[in-house]
């Protein structure tokens, strides 16, 4: 269960980082 929690936490962080990068790129495009 501990590994699963860590995995989900890292997965969530990766998604957040990806969205943040995409958002910043959109701002730079404008």
N, C-alpha and C. Protein backbone atom coordinates (compact mmCIF):
# COMPACT_ATOMS: atom_id res chain seq x y z
N UNK A 1 0.84 -1.20 0.00
CA UNK A 1 0.00 0.00 0.00
C UNK A 1 0.88 1.26 0.00
N UNK A 2 2.00 1.19 0.68
CA UNK A 2 2.89 2.34 0.71
C UNK A 2 3.42 2.65 -0.68
N UNK A 3 3.86 1.61 -1.40
CA UNK A 3 4.38 1.81 -2.75
C UNK A 3 3.30 2.37 -3.66
N UNK A 4 2.10 1.87 -3.50
CA UNK A 4 0.99 2.35 -4.33
C UNK A 4 0.76 3.84 -4.08
N UNK A 5 0.80 4.24 -2.82
CA UNK A 5 0.58 5.64 -2.47
C UNK A 5 1.68 6.52 -3.08
N UNK A 6 2.93 6.06 -2.96
CA UNK A 6 4.06 6.82 -3.53
C UNK A 6 3.91 6.92 -5.04
N UNK A 7 3.52 5.82 -5.67
CA UNK A 7 3.36 5.80 -7.12
C UNK A 7 2.29 6.80 -7.55
N UNK A 8 1.15 6.79 -6.86
CA UNK A 8 0.07 7.71 -7.20
C UNK A 8 0.50 9.16 -6.99
N UNK A 9 1.25 9.39 -5.92
CA UNK A 9 1.70 10.74 -5.64
C UNK A 9 2.64 11.23 -6.74
N UNK A 10 3.57 10.37 -7.16
CA UNK A 10 4.51 10.76 -8.21
C UNK A 10 3.76 10.95 -9.53
N UNK A 11 2.80 10.07 -9.80
CA UNK A 11 2.03 10.16 -11.04
C UNK A 11 1.27 11.48 -11.08
N UNK A 12 0.68 11.84 -9.97
CA UNK A 12 -0.08 13.09 -9.88
C UNK A 12 0.86 14.28 -10.10
N UNK A 13 2.05 14.22 -9.51
CA UNK A 13 3.02 15.30 -9.67
C UNK A 13 3.44 15.44 -11.13
N UNK A 14 3.65 14.31 -11.81
CA UNK A 14 4.04 14.34 -13.22
C UNK A 14 2.95 14.99 -14.06
N UNK A 15 1.72 14.66 -13.78
CA UNK A 15 0.59 15.25 -14.53
C UNK A 15 0.55 16.76 -14.28
N UNK A 16 0.73 17.15 -13.03
CA UNK A 16 0.70 18.56 -12.69
C UNK A 16 1.82 19.31 -13.41
N UNK A 17 3.02 18.73 -13.41
CA UNK A 17 4.16 19.36 -14.08
C UNK A 17 3.90 19.49 -15.57
N UNK A 18 3.33 18.46 -16.18
CA UNK A 18 3.03 18.49 -17.61
C UNK A 18 2.02 19.59 -17.93
N UNK A 19 0.98 19.68 -17.13
CA UNK A 19 -0.03 20.72 -17.35
C UNK A 19 0.58 22.10 -17.17
N UNK A 20 1.45 22.23 -16.20
CA UNK A 20 2.10 23.52 -15.95
C UNK A 20 2.95 23.93 -17.15
N UNK A 21 3.71 22.98 -17.69
CA UNK A 21 4.55 23.25 -18.86
C UNK A 21 3.69 23.66 -20.05
N UNK A 22 2.62 22.93 -20.28
CA UNK A 22 1.73 23.24 -21.41
C UNK A 22 1.12 24.63 -21.22
N UNK A 23 0.72 24.93 -20.00
CA UNK A 23 0.12 26.23 -19.71
C UNK A 23 1.12 27.36 -19.97
N UNK A 24 2.37 27.17 -19.51
CA UNK A 24 3.40 28.18 -19.73
C UNK A 24 3.69 28.35 -21.21
N UNK A 25 3.71 27.27 -21.96
CA UNK A 25 3.96 27.35 -23.40
C UNK A 25 2.84 28.12 -24.08
N UNK A 26 1.61 27.92 -23.63
CA UNK A 26 0.47 28.66 -24.19
C UNK A 26 0.63 30.15 -23.94
N UNK A 27 1.08 30.49 -22.74
CA UNK A 27 1.27 31.91 -22.41
C UNK A 27 2.38 32.51 -23.27
N UNK A 28 3.43 31.74 -23.51
CA UNK A 28 4.55 32.24 -24.31
C UNK A 28 4.14 32.41 -25.77
N UNK A 29 3.20 31.56 -26.22
CA UNK A 29 2.77 31.65 -27.62
C UNK A 29 2.01 32.96 -27.87
N UNK A 30 1.30 33.44 -26.87
CA UNK A 30 0.49 34.65 -27.06
C UNK A 30 1.30 35.93 -26.98
